[in-house]
């Protein structure tokens, strides 16, 4: 077996899994070649495929790193950083949100997903084979299972499942639930495949869509910065405490309030002073009237005694 293919099979068997669905290829170009997308949703979930490679040497699949469901348009992009070693607007946006201590859920939605690009033929029956070759955005779990089963458990010998003569058909079942699972993998030896299944397949690099950085930046700009739960709770707690304190504490005077209160106090002092003055004046009038009455009484008494004497 080709050394590069052997290395790819070993690496695939030992990799970790995880990923999601996405589109990242030039489907128009593929459709012109009669190559359509493969879908694992089958009756009872049963899948039967044969992997065909664009070359008899080297890896038979291409690892892809994708940003999926980005922005309100739910756009999908190849990661500029992982795929082309270039500045990636979506990775940069995620880094900025991380710096601001934004909710981890928002940041996780911007992370890359990993898939493997394959060419396959549906070998369920004659009719499915007549559909021709499909392109398949293969989940890592399927790729790992294929690479793991390509080694004979008894002899340890590696088998190239894509070999046109000595290759294998791959059987597995898709189970849909809260999470989609792929189980029951079997590699089956079948008859050699016709050359028409694998000839003239374009290299994977030729069907990838390199994204426009400006379009990526525009899409990710709609991802809002949401504070973490702890931050929101802390803010609510602070606001609640402040409201309670404000209800207990007297209102603080503004710059104008002291002047208004001082004016009020002055007015009150003036009214009190005026009242006091008025009281004093009234008191003096009353006292003067009493003295006048006493004097008048004395004068009347003197006049009365004088008349009696006369």
C-alpha atoms as a PDB file:
ATOM      1  CA  UNK A   1       0.000   0.000   0.000  1.00  0.00           C
ATOM      2  CA  UNK A   2       1.130   3.563  -0.680  1.00  0.00           C
ATOM      3  CA  UNK A   3       3.014   4.898   2.366  1.00  0.00           C
ATOM      4  CA  UNK A   4       1.121   8.211   2.429  1.00  0.00           C
ATOM      5  CA  UNK A   5      -2.206   6.384   2.343  1.00  0.00           C
ATOM      6  CA  UNK A   6      -1.048   4.054   5.128  1.00  0.00           C
ATOM      7  CA  UNK A   7      -0.128   7.096   7.216  1.00  0.00           C
ATOM      8  CA  UNK A   8      -3.517   8.712   6.575  1.00  0.00           C
ATOM      9  CA  UNK A   9      -5.365   5.566   7.647  1.00  0.00           C
ATOM     10  CA  UNK A  10      -3.359   5.286  10.860  1.00  0.00           C
ATOM     11  CA  UNK A  11      -3.926   8.952  11.717  1.00  0.00           C
ATOM     12  CA  UNK A  12      -7.662   8.669  11.040  1.00  0.00           C
ATOM     13  CA  UNK A  13      -8.000   5.622  13.283  1.00  0.00           C
ATOM     14  CA  UNK A  14      -6.429   7.467  16.232  1.00  0.00           C
ATOM     15  CA  UNK A  15      -8.143  10.849  15.942  1.00  0.00           C
ATOM     16  CA  UNK A  16     -10.821  12.341  18.202  1.00  0.00           C
ATOM     17  CA  UNK A  17     -14.310  13.060  16.834  1.00  0.00           C
ATOM     18  CA  UNK A  18     -16.969  15.821  16.875  1.00  0.00           C
ATOM     19  CA  UNK A  19     -18.465  18.136  14.251  1.00  0.00           C
ATOM     20  CA  UNK A  20     -21.571  19.422  12.435  1.00  0.00           C
ATOM     21  CA  UNK A  21     -23.106  19.690   8.950  1.00  0.00           C
ATOM     22  CA  UNK A  22     -22.071  22.437   6.547  1.00  0.00           C
ATOM     23  CA  UNK A  23     -21.496  23.331   2.886  1.00  0.00           C
ATOM     24  CA  UNK A  24     -18.089  24.553   1.822  1.00  0.00           C
ATOM     25  CA  UNK A  25     -17.525  23.408  -1.761  1.00  0.00           C
ATOM     26  CA  UNK A  26     -18.176  24.694  -5.245  1.00  0.00           C
ATOM     27  CA  UNK A  27     -21.394  22.757  -5.819  1.00  0.00           C
ATOM     28  CA  UNK A  28     -21.959  24.352  -9.223  1.00  0.00           C
ATOM     29  CA  UNK A  29     -18.675  22.992 -10.499  1.00  0.00           C
ATOM     30  CA  UNK A  30     -19.391  19.551  -9.037  1.00  0.00           C
ATOM     31  CA  UNK A  31     -22.890  19.395 -10.504  1.00  0.00           C
ATOM     32  CA  UNK A  32     -21.499  20.186 -13.947  1.00  0.00           C
ATOM     33  CA  UNK A  33     -19.393  17.057 -13.479  1.00  0.00           C
ATOM     34  CA  UNK A  34     -22.471  15.086 -12.409  1.00  0.00           C
ATOM     35  CA  UNK A  35     -21.334  14.931  -8.768  1.00  0.00           C
ATOM     36  CA  UNK A  36     -24.079  15.614  -6.210  1.00  0.00           C
ATOM     37  CA  UNK A  37     -24.104  15.659  -2.422  1.00  0.00           C
ATOM     38  CA  UNK A  38     -24.431  12.411  -0.463  1.00  0.00           C
ATOM     39  CA  UNK A  39     -27.043  12.311   2.306  1.00  0.00           C
ATOM     40  CA  UNK A  40     -26.833   9.766   5.144  1.00  0.00           C
ATOM     41  CA  UNK A  41     -30.614   9.935   5.791  1.00  0.00           C
ATOM     42  CA  UNK A  42     -31.755   6.589   4.388  1.00  0.00           C
ATOM     43  CA  UNK A  43     -34.633   4.153   5.039  1.00  0.00           C
ATOM     44  CA  UNK A  44     -34.101   2.726   8.540  1.00  0.00           C
ATOM     45  CA  UNK A  45     -30.849   4.714   8.636  1.00  0.00           C
ATOM     46  CA  UNK A  46     -28.916   2.035   6.715  1.00  0.00           C
ATOM     47  CA  UNK A  47     -26.041   3.285   4.567  1.00  0.00           C
ATOM     48  CA  UNK A  48     -23.922   1.358   2.047  1.00  0.00           C
ATOM     49  CA  UNK A  49     -21.141   3.332   0.364  1.00  0.00           C
ATOM     50  CA  UNK A  50     -17.889   2.842  -1.486  1.00  0.00           C
ATOM     51  CA  UNK A  51     -15.209   5.495  -1.055  1.00  0.00           C
ATOM     52  CA  UNK A  52     -13.495   6.447  -4.308  1.00  0.00           C
ATOM     53  CA  UNK A  53     -10.382   8.625  -4.388  1.00  0.00           C
ATOM     54  CA  UNK A  54      -9.270  11.166  -6.983  1.00  0.00           C
ATOM     55  CA  UNK A  55      -5.800   9.592  -6.887  1.00  0.00           C
ATOM     56  CA  UNK A  56      -4.408   6.122  -6.224  1.00  0.00           C
ATOM     57  CA  UNK A  57      -1.814   7.570  -3.839  1.00  0.00           C
ATOM     58  CA  UNK A  58      -1.903   9.935  -0.868  1.00  0.00           C
ATOM     59  CA  UNK A  59      -4.869  10.657   1.434  1.00  0.00           C
ATOM     60  CA  UNK A  60      -8.316   9.671   0.137  1.00  0.00           C
ATOM     61  CA  UNK A  61     -10.018  12.461   2.146  1.00  0.00           C
ATOM     62  CA  UNK A  62      -9.349  16.109   2.941  1.00  0.00           C
ATOM     63  CA  UNK A  63      -9.714  17.506   6.443  1.00  0.00           C
ATOM     64  CA  UNK A  64     -11.739  20.721   6.545  1.00  0.00           C
ATOM     65  CA  UNK A  65     -12.180  23.381   9.255  1.00  0.00           C
ATOM     66  CA  UNK A  66     -15.388  25.379   9.009  1.00  0.00           C
ATOM     67  CA  UNK A  67     -17.227  28.238  10.751  1.00  0.00           C
ATOM     68  CA  UNK A  68     -20.935  27.351  10.553  1.00  0.00           C
ATOM     69  CA  UNK A  69     -24.253  29.164  11.139  1.00  0.00           C
ATOM     70  CA  UNK A  70     -22.617  32.592  11.350  1.00  0.00           C
ATOM     71  CA  UNK A  71     -24.783  35.689  11.808  1.00  0.00           C
ATOM     72  CA  UNK A  72     -28.428  36.206  10.940  1.00  0.00           C
ATOM     73  CA  UNK A  73     -27.864  34.682   7.495  1.00  0.00           C
ATOM     74  CA  UNK A  74     -26.546  31.428   9.040  1.00  0.00           C
ATOM     75  CA  UNK A  75     -23.582  31.570   6.664  1.00  0.00           C
ATOM     76  CA  UNK A  76     -20.870  28.919   6.440  1.00  0.00           C
ATOM     77  CA  UNK A  77     -17.208  29.676   5.754  1.00  0.00           C
ATOM     78  CA  UNK A  78     -13.921  27.836   5.589  1.00  0.00           C
ATOM     79  CA  UNK A  79     -11.696  29.090   8.407  1.00  0.00           C
ATOM     80  CA  UNK A  80      -9.124  31.421   6.877  1.00  0.00           C
ATOM     81  CA  UNK A  81      -6.669  30.697   9.691  1.00  0.00           C
ATOM     82  CA  UNK A  82      -6.878  26.889   9.700  1.00  0.00           C
ATOM     83  CA  UNK A  83      -7.241  26.376   5.959  1.00  0.00           C
ATOM     84  CA  UNK A  84      -5.095  29.136   4.439  1.00  0.00           C
ATOM     85  CA  UNK A  85      -2.929  30.360   7.347  1.00  0.00           C
ATOM     86  CA  UNK A  86      -4.429  33.820   6.908  1.00  0.00           C
ATOM     87  CA  UNK A  87      -6.108  36.337   9.197  1.00  0.00           C
ATOM     88  CA  UNK A  88      -9.651  35.112   9.982  1.00  0.00           C
ATOM     89  CA  UNK A  89     -12.318  37.760  10.830  1.00  0.00           C
ATOM     90  CA  UNK A  90     -14.469  35.201  12.670  1.00  0.00           C
ATOM     91  CA  UNK A  91     -11.595  33.927  14.813  1.00  0.00           C
ATOM     92  CA  UNK A  92     -10.648  37.537  15.544  1.00  0.00           C
ATOM     93  CA  UNK A  93     -14.215  38.364  16.586  1.00  0.00           C
ATOM     94  CA  UNK A  94     -14.305  35.341  18.895  1.00  0.00           C
ATOM     95  CA  UNK A  95     -11.005  36.429  20.453  1.00  0.00           C
ATOM     96  CA  UNK A  96     -12.367  39.928  21.070  1.00  0.00           C
ATOM     97  CA  UNK A  97     -15.504  38.535  22.745  1.00  0.00           C
ATOM     98  CA  UNK A  98     -13.293  36.298  24.879  1.00  0.00           C
ATOM     99  CA  UNK A  99     -11.245  39.336  25.923  1.00  0.00           C
ATOM    100  CA  UNK A 100     -14.467  41.081  26.974  1.00  0.00           C
ATOM    101  CA  UNK A 101     -15.460  38.024  29.051  1.00  0.00           C
ATOM    102  CA  UNK A 102     -18.557  37.491  26.918  1.00  0.00           C
ATOM    103  CA  UNK A 103     -20.811  34.441  27.356  1.00  0.00           C
ATOM    104  CA  UNK A 104     -19.009  31.227  26.416  1.00  0.00           C
ATOM    105  CA  UNK A 105     -22.063  30.075  24.428  1.00  0.00           C
ATOM    106  CA  UNK A 106     -21.614  32.955  21.999  1.00  0.00           C
ATOM    107  CA  UNK A 107     -17.915  32.183  21.589  1.00  0.00           C
ATOM    108  CA  UNK A 108     -18.530  28.451  21.141  1.00  0.00           C
ATOM    109  CA  UNK A 109     -20.898  29.193  18.255  1.00  0.00           C
ATOM    110  CA  UNK A 110     -17.991  30.853  16.443  1.00  0.00           C
ATOM    111  CA  UNK A 111     -15.538  27.989  16.853  1.00  0.00           C
ATOM    112  CA  UNK A 112     -14.503  25.881  13.872  1.00  0.00           C
ATOM    113  CA  UNK A 113     -15.976  22.451  13.151  1.00  0.00           C
ATOM    114  CA  UNK A 114     -14.013  19.640  11.540  1.00  0.00           C
ATOM    115  CA  UNK A 115     -15.219  17.452   8.659  1.00  0.00           C
ATOM    116  CA  UNK A 116     -13.649  15.255   6.000  1.00  0.00           C
ATOM    117  CA  UNK A 117     -14.336  15.700   2.319  1.00  0.00           C
ATOM    118  CA  UNK A 118     -14.833  12.416   0.441  1.00  0.00           C
ATOM    119  CA  UNK A 119     -16.064  11.099  -2.894  1.00  0.00           C
ATOM    120  CA  UNK A 120     -18.431   8.135  -2.533  1.00  0.00           C
ATOM    121  CA  UNK A 121     -20.803   5.924  -4.527  1.00  0.00           C
ATOM    122  CA  UNK A 122     -24.048   4.742  -2.939  1.00  0.00           C
ATOM    123  CA  UNK A 123     -23.887   0.943  -3.282  1.00  0.00           C
ATOM    124  CA  UNK A 124     -27.295   0.208  -1.723  1.00  0.00           C
ATOM    125  CA  UNK A 125     -28.580  -1.186  -5.026  1.00  0.00           C
ATOM    126  CA  UNK A 126     -28.159  -0.913  -8.808  1.00  0.00           C
ATOM    127  CA  UNK A 127     -30.354   2.200  -9.008  1.00  0.00           C
ATOM    128  CA  UNK A 128     -28.282   4.040  -6.385  1.00  0.00           C
ATOM    129  CA  UNK A 129     -25.042   3.057  -8.129  1.00  0.00           C
ATOM    130  CA  UNK A 130     -26.387   4.471 -11.381  1.00  0.00           C
ATOM    131  CA  UNK A 131     -26.664   7.882  -9.698  1.00  0.00           C
ATOM    132  CA  UNK A 132     -22.892   8.115 -10.006  1.00  0.00           C
ATOM    133  CA  UNK A 133     -20.350   9.685  -7.658  1.00  0.00           C
ATOM    134  CA  UNK A 134     -21.315  11.982  -4.767  1.00  0.00           C
ATOM    135  CA  UNK A 135     -19.304  14.362  -2.630  1.00  0.00           C
ATOM    136  CA  UNK A 136     -19.661  13.714   1.083  1.00  0.00           C
ATOM    137  CA  UNK A 137     -18.924  16.063   3.996  1.00  0.00           C
ATOM    138  CA  UNK A 138     -18.079  13.148   6.235  1.00  0.00           C
ATOM    139  CA  UNK A 139     -18.409  13.463  10.035  1.00  0.00           C
ATOM    140  CA  UNK A 140     -15.175  12.666  11.909  1.00  0.00           C
ATOM    141  CA  UNK A 141     -16.846   9.707  13.624  1.00  0.00           C
ATOM    142  CA  UNK A 142     -17.448   7.967  10.267  1.00  0.00           C
ATOM    143  CA  UNK A 143     -13.956   8.731   9.009  1.00  0.00           C
ATOM    144  CA  UNK A 144     -12.425   7.416  12.225  1.00  0.00           C
ATOM    145  CA  UNK A 145     -14.480   4.199  12.077  1.00  0.00           C
ATOM    146  CA  UNK A 146     -13.440   3.535   8.468  1.00  0.00           C
ATOM    147  CA  UNK A 147      -9.771   4.063   9.269  1.00  0.00           C
ATOM    148  CA  UNK A 148     -10.007   1.863  12.370  1.00  0.00           C
ATOM    149  CA  UNK A 149     -11.713  -1.035  10.556  1.00  0.00           C
ATOM    150  CA  UNK A 150      -9.249  -0.896   7.676  1.00  0.00           C
ATOM    151  CA  UNK A 151      -6.816  -2.853   9.827  1.00  0.00           C
ATOM    152  CA  UNK A 152      -7.231  -6.633  10.047  1.00  0.00           C
ATOM    153  CA  UNK A 153      -7.628  -7.498  13.742  1.00  0.00           C
ATOM    154  CA  UNK A 154      -5.936 -10.882  13.348  1.00  0.00           C
ATOM    155  CA  UNK A 155      -2.958 -10.047  11.191  1.00  0.00           C
ATOM    156  CA  UNK A 156      -2.678  -6.288  11.831  1.00  0.00           C
ATOM    157  CA  UNK A 157      -2.469  -5.806   8.069  1.00  0.00           C
ATOM    158  CA  UNK A 158      -3.870  -2.574   6.686  1.00  0.00           C
ATOM    159  CA  UNK A 159      -6.423  -2.665   3.894  1.00  0.00           C
ATOM    160  CA  UNK A 160      -6.979   0.268   1.537  1.00  0.00           C
ATOM    161  CA  UNK A 161     -10.807   0.593   1.458  1.00  0.00           C
ATOM    162  CA  UNK A 162     -10.597   2.830  -1.630  1.00  0.00           C
ATOM    163  CA  UNK A 163      -8.584   0.439  -3.797  1.00  0.00           C
ATOM    164  CA  UNK A 164     -10.541  -0.171  -7.061  1.00  0.00           C
ATOM    165  CA  UNK A 165      -9.774  -3.911  -6.940  1.00  0.00           C
ATOM    166  CA  UNK A 166      -9.159  -4.878  -3.305  1.00  0.00           C
ATOM    167  CA  UNK A 167     -11.172  -2.124  -1.619  1.00  0.00           C
ATOM    168  CA  UNK A 168     -14.204  -2.471   0.656  1.00  0.00           C
ATOM    169  CA  UNK A 169     -17.814  -1.316   0.797  1.00  0.00           C
ATOM    170  CA  UNK A 170     -18.693   0.425   4.062  1.00  0.00           C
ATOM    171  CA  UNK A 171     -21.914  -0.280   5.941  1.00  0.00           C
ATOM    172  CA  UNK A 172     -23.209   1.773   8.870  1.00  0.00           C
ATOM    173  CA  UNK A 173     -26.475   2.924  10.435  1.00  0.00           C
ATOM    174  CA  UNK A 174     -27.496   6.470  11.211  1.00  0.00           C
ATOM    175  CA  UNK A 175     -29.494   6.994  14.428  1.00  0.00           C
ATOM    176  CA  UNK A 176     -31.220  10.346  14.926  1.00  0.00           C
ATOM    177  CA  UNK A 177     -32.108  11.618  18.383  1.00  0.00           C
ATOM    178  CA  UNK A 178     -30.905  14.486  20.517  1.00  0.00           C
ATOM    179  CA  UNK A 179     -27.617  13.798  18.783  1.00  0.00           C
ATOM    180  CA  UNK A 180     -27.055  12.022  15.468  1.00  0.00           C
ATOM    181  CA  UNK A 181     -25.012   8.859  15.888  1.00  0.00           C
ATOM    182  CA  UNK A 182     -23.407   6.500  13.385  1.00  0.00           C
ATOM    183  CA  UNK A 183     -23.116   2.871  14.501  1.00  0.00           C
ATOM    184  CA  UNK A 184     -22.764  -0.702  13.232  1.00  0.00           C
ATOM    185  CA  UNK A 185     -19.768  -0.182  10.962  1.00  0.00           C
ATOM    186  CA  UNK A 186     -18.783  -3.087   8.713  1.00  0.00           C
ATOM    187  CA  UNK A 187     -16.277  -3.259   5.848  1.00  0.00           C
ATOM    188  CA  UNK A 188     -17.317  -5.779   3.189  1.00  0.00           C
ATOM    189  CA  UNK A 189     -15.205  -7.191   0.335  1.00  0.00           C
ATOM    190  CA  UNK A 190     -17.014  -6.881  -3.007  1.00  0.00           C
ATOM    191  CA  UNK A 191     -16.293  -7.065  -6.714  1.00  0.00           C
ATOM    192  CA  UNK A 192     -13.853  -4.558  -8.250  1.00  0.00           C
ATOM    193  CA  UNK A 193     -15.475  -1.260  -9.108  1.00  0.00           C
ATOM    194  CA  UNK A 194     -15.682   0.216 -12.638  1.00  0.00           C
ATOM    195  CA  UNK A 195     -13.199   2.880 -13.641  1.00  0.00           C
ATOM    196  CA  UNK A 196     -16.040   5.330 -14.376  1.00  0.00           C
ATOM    197  CA  UNK A 197     -16.658   5.659 -10.633  1.00  0.00           C
ATOM    198  CA  UNK A 198     -13.332   7.284  -9.896  1.00  0.00           C
ATOM    199  CA  UNK A 199     -11.793   8.607 -13.093  1.00  0.00           C
ATOM    200  CA  UNK A 200     -11.639  12.368 -13.719  1.00  0.00           C
ATOM    201  CA  UNK A 201     -12.524  13.291 -10.144  1.00  0.00           C
ATOM    202  CA  UNK A 202     -11.283  16.827  -9.393  1.00  0.00           C
ATOM    203  CA  UNK A 203      -8.698  17.266  -6.609  1.00  0.00           C
ATOM    204  CA  UNK A 204     -10.276  18.394  -3.341  1.00  0.00           C
ATOM    205  CA  UNK A 205      -8.329  21.659  -3.446  1.00  0.00           C
ATOM    206  CA  UNK A 206     -10.042  22.555  -6.717  1.00  0.00           C
ATOM    207  CA  UNK A 207     -13.560  22.415  -5.302  1.00  0.00           C
ATOM    208  CA  UNK A 208     -13.062  24.333  -2.062  1.00  0.00           C
ATOM    209  CA  UNK A 209     -14.569  27.812  -1.818  1.00  0.00           C
ATOM    210  CA  UNK A 210     -12.137  30.325  -0.363  1.00  0.00           C
ATOM    211  CA  UNK A 211     -14.263  32.885   1.527  1.00  0.00           C
ATOM    212  CA  UNK A 212     -14.212  36.652   1.115  1.00  0.00           C
ATOM    213  CA  UNK A 213     -12.813  38.229   4.347  1.00  0.00           C
ATOM    214  CA  UNK A 214     -15.108  41.247   3.954  1.00  0.00           C
ATOM    215  CA  UNK A 215     -18.141  38.991   3.698  1.00  0.00           C
ATOM    216  CA  UNK A 216     -16.993  37.069   6.775  1.00  0.00           C
ATOM    217  CA  UNK A 217     -16.524  40.281   8.760  1.00  0.00           C
ATOM    218  CA  UNK A 218     -19.963  41.511   7.749  1.00  0.00           C
ATOM    219  CA  UNK A 219     -21.620  38.220   8.751  1.00  0.00           C
ATOM    220  CA  UNK A 220     -19.927  37.981  12.141  1.00  0.00           C
ATOM    221  CA  UNK A 221     -20.610  41.644  12.947  1.00  0.00           C
ATOM    222  CA  UNK A 222     -24.199  40.614  13.659  1.00  0.00           C
ATOM    223  CA  UNK A 223     -23.073  38.352  16.525  1.00  0.00           C
ATOM    224  CA  UNK A 224     -23.891  40.461  19.568  1.00  0.00           C
ATOM    225  CA  UNK A 225     -21.810  40.618  22.717  1.00  0.00           C
ATOM    226  CA  UNK A 226     -23.937  39.107  25.503  1.00  0.00           C
ATOM    227  CA  UNK A 227     -22.704  39.504  29.119  1.00  0.00           C
ATOM    228  CA  UNK A 228     -22.081  36.309  31.059  1.00  0.00           C
ATOM    229  CA  UNK A 229     -24.746  35.103  33.494  1.00  0.00           C
ATOM    230  CA  UNK A 230     -22.576  36.006  36.466  1.00  0.00           C
ATOM    231  CA  UNK A 231     -22.061  39.515  35.131  1.00  0.00           C
ATOM    232  CA  UNK A 232     -25.796  39.996  34.580  1.00  0.00           C
ATOM    233  CA  UNK A 233     -26.584  38.632  38.034  1.00  0.00           C
ATOM    234  CA  UNK A 234     -23.937  40.866  39.584  1.00  0.00           C
ATOM    235  CA  UNK A 235     -25.314  43.887  37.793  1.00  0.00           C
ATOM    236  CA  UNK A 236     -28.893  43.097  38.861  1.00  0.00           C
ATOM    237  CA  UNK A 237     -27.731  42.533  42.421  1.00  0.00           C
ATOM    238  CA  UNK A 238     -25.895  45.846  42.448  1.00  0.00           C
ATOM    239  CA  UNK A 239     -28.871  47.685  41.012  1.00  0.00           C
ATOM    240  CA  UNK A 240     -31.200  45.996  43.486  1.00  0.00           C
ATOM    241  CA  UNK A 241     -28.953  46.870  46.419  1.00  0.00           C
ATOM    242  CA  UNK A 242     -28.665  50.432  45.236  1.00  0.00           C
ATOM    243  CA  UNK A 243     -32.450  50.715  44.973  1.00  0.00           C
ATOM    244  CA  UNK A 244     -32.878  49.364  48.490  1.00  0.00           C
ATOM    245  CA  UNK A 245     -30.242  51.721  49.848  1.00  0.00           C
ATOM    246  CA  UNK A 246     -31.845  54.633  48.083  1.00  0.00           C
ATOM    247  CA  UNK A 247     -35.195  53.775  49.667  1.00  0.00           C
ATOM    248  CA  UNK A 248     -33.600  53.830  53.132  1.00  0.00           C
ATOM    249  CA  UNK A 249     -31.300  56.822  52.765  1.00  0.00           C
ATOM    250  CA  UNK A 250     -32.456  60.454  52.467  1.00  0.00           C
ATOM    251  CA  UNK A 251     -32.091  62.051  49.101  1.00  0.00           C
ATOM    252  CA  UNK A 252     -28.810  63.790  48.524  1.00  0.00           C
ATOM    253  CA  UNK A 253     -28.980  67.510  47.939  1.00  0.00           C
ATOM    254  CA  UNK A 254     -28.129  68.782  44.527  1.00  0.00           C
ATOM    255  CA  UNK A 255     -26.101  71.915  43.976  1.00  0.00           C
ATOM    256  CA  UNK A 256     -29.296  73.995  43.761  1.00  0.00           C
ATOM    257  CA  UNK A 257     -31.228  72.372  46.588  1.00  0.00           C
ATOM    258  CA  UNK A 258     -29.123  73.907  49.429  1.00  0.00           C
ATOM    259  CA  UNK A 259     -29.681  77.401  47.978  1.00  0.00           C
ATOM    260  CA  UNK A 260     -33.410  76.800  47.736  1.00  0.00           C
ATOM    261  CA  UNK A 261     -33.525  75.462  51.278  1.00  0.00           C
ATOM    262  CA  UNK A 262     -31.440  78.353  52.577  1.00  0.00           C
ATOM    263  CA  UNK A 263     -33.808  80.785  50.855  1.00  0.00           C
ATOM    264  CA  UNK A 264     -36.748  79.017  52.437  1.00  0.00           C
ATOM    265  CA  UNK A 265     -35.100  79.159  55.840  1.00  0.00           C
ATOM    266  CA  UNK A 266     -34.388  82.886  55.340  1.00  0.00           C
ATOM    267  CA  UNK A 267     -37.999  83.487  54.394  1.00  0.00           C
ATOM    268  CA  UNK A 268     -39.125  81.677  57.466  1.00  0.00           C
ATOM    269  CA  UNK A 269     -36.786  83.758  59.619  1.00  0.00           C
ATOM    270  CA  UNK A 270     -38.150  86.930  58.045  1.00  0.00           C
ATOM    271  CA  UNK A 271     -41.734  85.825  58.676  1.00  0.00           C
ATOM    272  CA  UNK A 272     -40.902  84.956  62.267  1.00  0.00           C
ATOM    273  CA  UNK A 273     -39.100  88.268  62.702  1.00  0.00           C
ATOM    274  CA  UNK A 274     -42.024  90.153  61.187  1.00  0.00           C
ATOM    275  CA  UNK A 275     -44.418  88.264  63.427  1.00  0.00           C
ATOM    276  CA  UNK A 276     -42.341  89.060  66.462  1.00  0.00           C
ATOM    277  CA  UNK A 277     -42.195  92.743  65.505  1.00  0.00           C
ATOM    278  CA  UNK A 278     -45.941  92.806  65.003  1.00  0.00           C
ATOM    279  CA  UNK A 279     -46.451  91.149  68.396  1.00  0.00           C
ATOM    280  CA  UNK A 280     -44.145  93.632  70.060  1.00  0.00           C
ATOM    281  CA  UNK A 281     -45.958  96.519  68.417  1.00  0.00           C
ATOM    282  CA  UNK A 282     -49.310  95.121  69.485  1.00  0.00           C
ATOM    283  CA  UNK A 283     -47.992  94.626  72.996  1.00  0.00           C
ATOM    284  CA  UNK A 284     -46.788  98.201  73.138  1.00  0.00           C
ATOM    285  CA  UNK A 285     -50.170  99.473  71.921  1.00  0.00           C
ATOM    286  CA  UNK A 286     -51.930  97.383  74.525  1.00  0.00           C
ATOM    287  CA  UNK A 287     -49.610  98.605  77.253  1.00  0.00           C
ATOM    288  CA  UNK A 288     -50.035 102.219  76.122  1.00  0.00           C
ATOM    289  CA  UNK A 289     -53.816 101.834  76.218  1.00  0.00           C
ATOM    290  CA  UNK A 290     -53.750 100.447  79.720  1.00  0.00           C
ATOM    291  CA  UNK A 291     -51.554 103.304  80.948  1.00  0.00           C
ATOM    292  CA  UNK A 292     -53.826 105.834  79.295  1.00  0.00           C
ATOM    293  CA  UNK A 293     -56.828 104.262  80.992  1.00  0.00           C
ATOM    294  CA  UNK A 294     -55.090 104.392  84.370  1.00  0.00           C
ATOM    295  CA  UNK A 295     -54.073 108.014  83.843  1.00  0.00           C
ATOM    296  CA  UNK A 296     -57.545 108.880  82.633  1.00  0.00           C
ATOM    297  CA  UNK A 297     -59.053 107.181  85.690  1.00  0.00           C
ATOM    298  CA  UNK A 298     -56.736 109.125  87.973  1.00  0.00           C
ATOM    299  CA  UNK A 299     -57.582 112.388  86.265  1.00  0.00           C
ATOM    300  CA  UNK A 300     -61.304 111.626  86.552  1.00  0.00           C
ATOM    301  CA  UNK A 301     -60.851 110.805  90.256  1.00  0.00           C
ATOM    302  CA  UNK A 302     -58.974 114.071  90.896  1.00  0.00           C
ATOM    303  CA  UNK A 303     -61.583 116.049  89.029  1.00  0.00           C
ATOM    304  CA  UNK A 304     -64.343 114.298  90.996  1.00  0.00           C
ATOM    305  CA  UNK A 305     -62.746 115.153  94.392  1.00  0.00           C
ATOM    306  CA  UNK A 306     -62.166 118.698  93.207  1.00  0.00           C
ATOM    307  CA  UNK A 307     -65.821 119.100  92.357  1.00  0.00           C
ATOM    308  CA  UNK A 308     -66.893 117.744  95.712  1.00  0.00           C
ATOM    309  CA  UNK A 309     -64.588 120.238  97.453  1.00  0.00           C
ATOM    310  CA  UNK A 310     -65.981 123.118  95.522  1.00  0.00           C
END
